[in-house]
């Protein structure tokens, strides 16, 4: 493996670690909530909002994205492009989870 690929792999694994830390912090409900529902809400809505389901949703998405970057890094290190097919499944799963969980959170809020 060339030096350039090694550097890229290190950066990708580092970004994966960063995403995992964000995911863990969101599981612990600490730090700034990085969720569109929270970011686009007005100040009054943010104060009334139950943040727990949004923290959980963001934590799971950050965890899945961390695994995606691990797969990308492994594909680089092992020089096997077939591993990237797993990445497609993970990203599809993250999208489906985000949509389904957003609908479920919306239903819970209307009750």
N, C-alpha and C. Protein backbone atom coordinates (compact mmCIF):
# COMPACT_ATOMS: atom_id res chain seq x y z
N UNK A 1 0.86 -1.18 0.00
CA UNK A 1 0.00 0.00 0.00
C UNK A 1 0.89 1.23 0.00
N UNK A 2 0.56 2.19 -0.83
CA UNK A 2 1.38 3.40 -0.96
C UNK A 2 1.18 4.33 0.24
N UNK A 3 2.07 5.28 0.35
CA UNK A 3 2.01 6.24 1.45
C UNK A 3 0.73 7.06 1.39
N UNK A 4 0.33 7.46 0.19
CA UNK A 4 -0.89 8.24 0.03
C UNK A 4 -2.12 7.49 0.51
N UNK A 5 -2.21 6.22 0.16
CA UNK A 5 -3.35 5.41 0.60
C UNK A 5 -3.33 5.21 2.11
N UNK A 6 -2.13 5.08 2.67
CA UNK A 6 -2.01 4.92 4.12
C UNK A 6 -2.51 6.17 4.84
N UNK A 7 -2.15 7.32 4.32
CA UNK A 7 -2.59 8.58 4.94
C UNK A 7 -4.10 8.72 4.83
N UNK A 8 -4.65 8.40 3.66
CA UNK A 8 -6.11 8.48 3.48
C UNK A 8 -6.82 7.51 4.42
N UNK A 9 -6.28 6.30 4.57
CA UNK A 9 -6.88 5.31 5.46
C UNK A 9 -6.86 5.80 6.91
N UNK A 10 -5.75 6.42 7.32
CA UNK A 10 -5.66 6.95 8.69
C UNK A 10 -6.69 8.04 8.90
N UNK A 11 -6.84 8.93 7.93
CA UNK A 11 -7.83 10.01 8.03
C UNK A 11 -9.24 9.43 8.11
N UNK A 12 -9.52 8.43 7.30
CA UNK A 12 -10.86 7.82 7.29
C UNK A 12 -11.15 7.13 8.62
N UNK A 13 -10.17 6.39 9.14
CA UNK A 13 -10.37 5.75 10.45
C UNK A 13 -10.50 6.80 11.56
N UNK A 14 -9.77 7.90 11.45
CA UNK A 14 -9.90 8.98 12.42
C UNK A 14 -11.29 9.60 12.40
N UNK A 15 -11.81 9.82 11.19
CA UNK A 15 -13.16 10.37 11.07
C UNK A 15 -14.19 9.40 11.63
N UNK A 16 -13.96 8.10 11.42
CA UNK A 16 -14.84 7.09 11.97
C UNK A 16 -14.84 7.16 13.50
N UNK A 17 -13.67 7.32 14.08
CA UNK A 17 -13.57 7.46 15.54
C UNK A 17 -14.30 8.70 16.04
N UNK A 18 -14.16 9.80 15.30
CA UNK A 18 -14.85 11.04 15.66
C UNK A 18 -16.37 10.83 15.65
N UNK A 19 -16.87 10.17 14.61
CA UNK A 19 -18.31 9.90 14.54
C UNK A 19 -18.77 8.99 15.67
N UNK A 20 -17.92 8.03 16.05
CA UNK A 20 -18.28 7.13 17.16
C UNK A 20 -18.35 7.91 18.47
N UNK A 21 -17.41 8.84 18.68
CA UNK A 21 -17.44 9.67 19.89
C UNK A 21 -18.72 10.51 19.90
N UNK A 22 -19.07 11.10 18.75
CA UNK A 22 -20.33 11.86 18.69
C UNK A 22 -21.52 10.98 19.01
N UNK A 23 -21.52 9.76 18.48
CA UNK A 23 -22.61 8.83 18.75
C UNK A 23 -22.72 8.49 20.22
N UNK A 24 -21.60 8.23 20.86
CA UNK A 24 -21.59 7.90 22.29
C UNK A 24 -22.08 9.08 23.11
N UNK A 25 -21.62 10.28 22.76
CA UNK A 25 -22.07 11.48 23.50
C UNK A 25 -23.57 11.70 23.32
N UNK A 26 -24.09 11.40 22.14
CA UNK A 26 -25.52 11.54 21.93
C UNK A 26 -26.30 10.46 22.70
N UNK A 27 -25.75 9.25 22.79
CA UNK A 27 -26.40 8.21 23.63
C UNK A 27 -26.48 8.67 25.08
N UNK A 28 -25.45 9.37 25.53
CA UNK A 28 -25.42 9.87 26.90
C UNK A 28 -26.22 11.17 27.05
N UNK A 29 -26.79 11.66 25.93
CA UNK A 29 -27.56 12.91 25.90
C UNK A 29 -26.73 14.09 26.39
N UNK A 30 -25.49 14.16 25.93
CA UNK A 30 -24.60 15.25 26.30
C UNK A 30 -24.18 15.98 25.04
N UNK A 31 -23.91 17.25 25.17
CA UNK A 31 -23.43 18.03 24.05
C UNK A 31 -24.56 18.60 23.22
N UNK A 32 -24.16 19.31 22.17
CA UNK A 32 -25.12 19.94 21.27
C UNK A 32 -25.87 18.88 20.49
N UNK A 33 -27.18 19.00 20.41
CA UNK A 33 -28.01 18.04 19.69
C UNK A 33 -27.93 18.34 18.20
N UNK A 34 -27.35 17.41 17.45
CA UNK A 34 -27.19 17.58 16.01
C UNK A 34 -28.29 16.79 15.30
N UNK A 35 -29.48 17.37 15.27
CA UNK A 35 -30.62 16.75 14.64
C UNK A 35 -31.41 17.86 13.93
N UNK A 36 -31.85 17.58 12.72
CA UNK A 36 -32.56 18.60 11.94
C UNK A 36 -33.79 19.13 12.66
N UNK A 37 -34.52 18.27 13.32
CA UNK A 37 -35.73 18.72 14.02
C UNK A 37 -35.37 19.77 15.07
N UNK A 38 -34.25 19.58 15.73
CA UNK A 38 -33.82 20.54 16.75
C UNK A 38 -33.22 21.79 16.10
N UNK A 39 -32.41 21.59 15.08
CA UNK A 39 -31.74 22.73 14.44
C UNK A 39 -32.71 23.69 13.78
N UNK A 40 -33.78 23.16 13.19
CA UNK A 40 -34.74 24.01 12.50
C UNK A 40 -35.88 24.51 13.39
N UNK A 41 -35.92 24.07 14.62
CA UNK A 41 -36.98 24.50 15.54
C UNK A 41 -36.68 25.91 16.05
N UNK A 42 -37.75 26.63 16.34
CA UNK A 42 -37.58 27.95 16.92
C UNK A 42 -37.12 27.82 18.38
N UNK A 43 -36.73 28.91 18.95
CA UNK A 43 -36.23 28.89 20.33
C UNK A 43 -37.31 28.39 21.29
N UNK A 44 -38.55 28.80 21.07
CA UNK A 44 -39.65 28.36 21.93
C UNK A 44 -39.91 26.86 21.77
N UNK A 45 -39.84 26.38 20.53
CA UNK A 45 -40.06 24.95 20.29
C UNK A 45 -38.94 24.13 20.91
N UNK A 46 -37.72 24.63 20.86
CA UNK A 46 -36.59 23.91 21.44
C UNK A 46 -36.75 23.74 22.94
N UNK A 47 -37.29 24.76 23.60
CA UNK A 47 -37.46 24.70 25.06
C UNK A 47 -38.53 23.68 25.45
N UNK A 48 -39.59 23.54 24.63
CA UNK A 48 -40.67 22.61 24.93
C UNK A 48 -40.40 21.20 24.43
N UNK A 49 -39.42 21.04 23.57
CA UNK A 49 -39.17 19.77 22.89
C UNK A 49 -38.61 18.71 23.84
N UNK A 50 -39.11 17.48 23.68
CA UNK A 50 -38.53 16.32 24.36
C UNK A 50 -37.34 15.87 23.52
N UNK A 51 -36.13 16.12 23.99
CA UNK A 51 -34.93 15.89 23.19
C UNK A 51 -34.46 14.44 23.19
N UNK A 52 -34.95 13.65 24.12
CA UNK A 52 -34.46 12.27 24.26
C UNK A 52 -34.57 11.44 22.97
N UNK A 53 -35.74 11.40 22.29
CA UNK A 53 -35.80 10.59 21.06
C UNK A 53 -34.89 11.13 19.95
N UNK A 54 -34.67 12.42 19.93
CA UNK A 54 -33.80 13.01 18.90
C UNK A 54 -32.33 12.69 19.18
N UNK A 55 -31.95 12.70 20.45
CA UNK A 55 -30.59 12.28 20.80
C UNK A 55 -30.37 10.83 20.40
N UNK A 56 -31.35 9.99 20.67
CA UNK A 56 -31.22 8.56 20.34
C UNK A 56 -31.12 8.36 18.83
N UNK A 57 -31.97 9.04 18.09
CA UNK A 57 -31.95 8.92 16.64
C UNK A 57 -30.58 9.36 16.09
N UNK A 58 -30.09 10.48 16.55
CA UNK A 58 -28.79 10.98 16.08
C UNK A 58 -27.66 10.03 16.48
N UNK A 59 -27.74 9.47 17.68
CA UNK A 59 -26.70 8.54 18.14
C UNK A 59 -26.63 7.31 17.24
N UNK A 60 -27.78 6.77 16.89
CA UNK A 60 -27.80 5.58 16.04
C UNK A 60 -27.26 5.91 14.65
N UNK A 61 -27.64 7.03 14.10
CA UNK A 61 -27.14 7.43 12.78
C UNK A 61 -25.64 7.66 12.83
N UNK A 62 -25.14 8.32 13.87
CA UNK A 62 -23.68 8.52 13.98
C UNK A 62 -22.96 7.17 14.11
N UNK A 63 -23.55 6.24 14.82
CA UNK A 63 -22.94 4.91 14.96
C UNK A 63 -22.88 4.19 13.62
N UNK A 64 -23.97 4.25 12.86
CA UNK A 64 -23.99 3.61 11.54
C UNK A 64 -22.97 4.27 10.61
N UNK A 65 -22.91 5.60 10.63
CA UNK A 65 -21.94 6.30 9.77
C UNK A 65 -20.51 5.98 10.17
N UNK A 66 -20.28 5.77 11.45
CA UNK A 66 -18.95 5.37 11.90
C UNK A 66 -18.57 4.02 11.30
N UNK A 67 -19.50 3.09 11.30
CA UNK A 67 -19.25 1.76 10.71
C UNK A 67 -19.03 1.89 9.20
N UNK A 68 -19.77 2.79 8.55
CA UNK A 68 -19.58 3.01 7.11
C UNK A 68 -18.14 3.43 6.83
N UNK A 69 -17.61 4.34 7.63
CA UNK A 69 -16.24 4.80 7.40
C UNK A 69 -15.22 3.73 7.76
N UNK A 70 -15.54 2.87 8.71
CA UNK A 70 -14.66 1.73 8.99
C UNK A 70 -14.61 0.81 7.77
N UNK A 71 -15.76 0.57 7.15
CA UNK A 71 -15.81 -0.28 5.95
C UNK A 71 -15.00 0.35 4.82
N UNK A 72 -15.13 1.66 4.64
CA UNK A 72 -14.35 2.34 3.60
C UNK A 72 -12.86 2.20 3.88
N UNK A 73 -12.47 2.39 5.13
CA UNK A 73 -11.06 2.25 5.50
C UNK A 73 -10.55 0.84 5.29
N UNK A 74 -11.35 -0.15 5.67
CA UNK A 74 -10.94 -1.54 5.46
C UNK A 74 -10.81 -1.87 3.97
N UNK A 75 -11.70 -1.29 3.18
CA UNK A 75 -11.62 -1.50 1.74
C UNK A 75 -10.30 -0.95 1.18
N UNK A 76 -9.88 0.18 1.70
CA UNK A 76 -8.61 0.76 1.28
C UNK A 76 -7.43 -0.09 1.74
N UNK A 77 -7.44 -0.48 3.01
CA UNK A 77 -6.32 -1.24 3.58
C UNK A 77 -6.21 -2.61 2.92
N UNK A 78 -7.33 -3.29 2.78
CA UNK A 78 -7.31 -4.65 2.21
C UNK A 78 -7.31 -4.64 0.68
N UNK A 79 -7.51 -3.47 0.09
CA UNK A 79 -7.54 -3.30 -1.37
C UNK A 79 -8.54 -4.26 -2.02
N UNK A 80 -9.73 -4.30 -1.44
CA UNK A 80 -10.79 -5.16 -1.95
C UNK A 80 -12.06 -4.33 -2.10
N UNK A 81 -12.45 -4.07 -3.33
CA UNK A 81 -13.62 -3.22 -3.58
C UNK A 81 -14.94 -3.92 -3.29
N UNK A 82 -14.94 -5.23 -3.17
CA UNK A 82 -16.18 -5.95 -2.87
C UNK A 82 -16.72 -5.59 -1.49
N UNK A 83 -15.84 -5.17 -0.60
CA UNK A 83 -16.27 -4.78 0.75
C UNK A 83 -17.19 -3.57 0.69
N UNK A 84 -17.03 -2.75 -0.34
CA UNK A 84 -17.85 -1.54 -0.45
C UNK A 84 -19.33 -1.84 -0.67
N UNK A 85 -19.66 -3.06 -1.10
CA UNK A 85 -21.07 -3.42 -1.23
C UNK A 85 -21.76 -3.39 0.13
N UNK A 86 -21.02 -3.73 1.17
CA UNK A 86 -21.57 -3.65 2.53
C UNK A 86 -21.87 -2.21 2.91
N UNK A 87 -21.08 -1.29 2.38
CA UNK A 87 -21.30 0.14 2.64
C UNK A 87 -22.65 0.58 2.09
N UNK A 88 -23.01 0.09 0.92
CA UNK A 88 -24.30 0.44 0.32
C UNK A 88 -25.44 -0.02 1.23
N UNK A 89 -25.33 -1.22 1.78
CA UNK A 89 -26.36 -1.72 2.69
C UNK A 89 -26.46 -0.86 3.95
N UNK A 90 -25.31 -0.48 4.49
CA UNK A 90 -25.31 0.33 5.71
C UNK A 90 -25.93 1.71 5.47
N UNK A 91 -25.57 2.34 4.37
CA UNK A 91 -26.12 3.67 4.08
C UNK A 91 -27.62 3.57 3.81
N UNK A 92 -28.05 2.54 3.09
CA UNK A 92 -29.48 2.34 2.86
C UNK A 92 -30.22 2.13 4.18
N UNK A 93 -29.63 1.33 5.06
CA UNK A 93 -30.23 1.11 6.37
C UNK A 93 -30.32 2.39 7.19
N UNK A 94 -29.30 3.23 7.10
CA UNK A 94 -29.32 4.50 7.83
C UNK A 94 -30.43 5.40 7.32
N UNK A 95 -30.60 5.44 6.01
CA UNK A 95 -31.66 6.28 5.42
C UNK A 95 -33.03 5.78 5.84
N UNK A 96 -33.24 4.47 5.74
CA UNK A 96 -34.54 3.90 6.12
C UNK A 96 -34.79 4.14 7.60
N UNK A 97 -33.78 3.93 8.44
CA UNK A 97 -33.95 4.15 9.88
C UNK A 97 -34.31 5.61 10.16
N UNK A 98 -33.62 6.55 9.51
CA UNK A 98 -33.88 7.97 9.75
C UNK A 98 -35.32 8.34 9.40
N UNK A 99 -35.81 7.84 8.28
CA UNK A 99 -37.18 8.16 7.86
C UNK A 99 -38.20 7.52 8.81
N UNK A 100 -38.02 6.23 9.10
CA UNK A 100 -38.98 5.52 9.95
C UNK A 100 -38.99 6.10 11.36
N UNK A 101 -37.81 6.37 11.91
CA UNK A 101 -37.78 6.91 13.28
C UNK A 101 -38.34 8.33 13.34
N UNK A 102 -38.15 9.11 12.28
CA UNK A 102 -38.74 10.47 12.25
C UNK A 102 -40.25 10.39 12.26
N UNK A 103 -40.80 9.45 11.51
CA UNK A 103 -42.26 9.29 11.49
C UNK A 103 -42.75 8.84 12.87
N UNK A 104 -42.06 7.91 13.50
CA UNK A 104 -42.46 7.43 14.81
C UNK A 104 -42.37 8.53 15.86
N UNK A 105 -41.33 9.33 15.80
CA UNK A 105 -41.19 10.44 16.76
C UNK A 105 -42.33 11.44 16.54
N UNK A 106 -42.66 11.71 15.29
CA UNK A 106 -43.76 12.62 14.99
C UNK A 106 -45.09 12.11 15.52
N UNK A 107 -45.31 10.80 15.41
CA UNK A 107 -46.55 10.22 15.94
C UNK A 107 -46.61 10.33 17.45
N UNK A 108 -45.47 10.12 18.12
CA UNK A 108 -45.45 10.21 19.58
C UNK A 108 -45.69 11.63 20.06
N UNK A 109 -45.22 12.61 19.29
CA UNK A 109 -45.41 14.00 19.71
C UNK A 109 -46.85 14.46 19.56
N UNK A 110 -47.58 13.89 18.60
CA UNK A 110 -48.96 14.31 18.40
C UNK A 110 -49.91 13.72 19.43
N UNK A 111 -49.46 12.71 20.16
CA UNK A 111 -50.32 12.10 21.18
C UNK A 111 -50.46 12.97 22.38
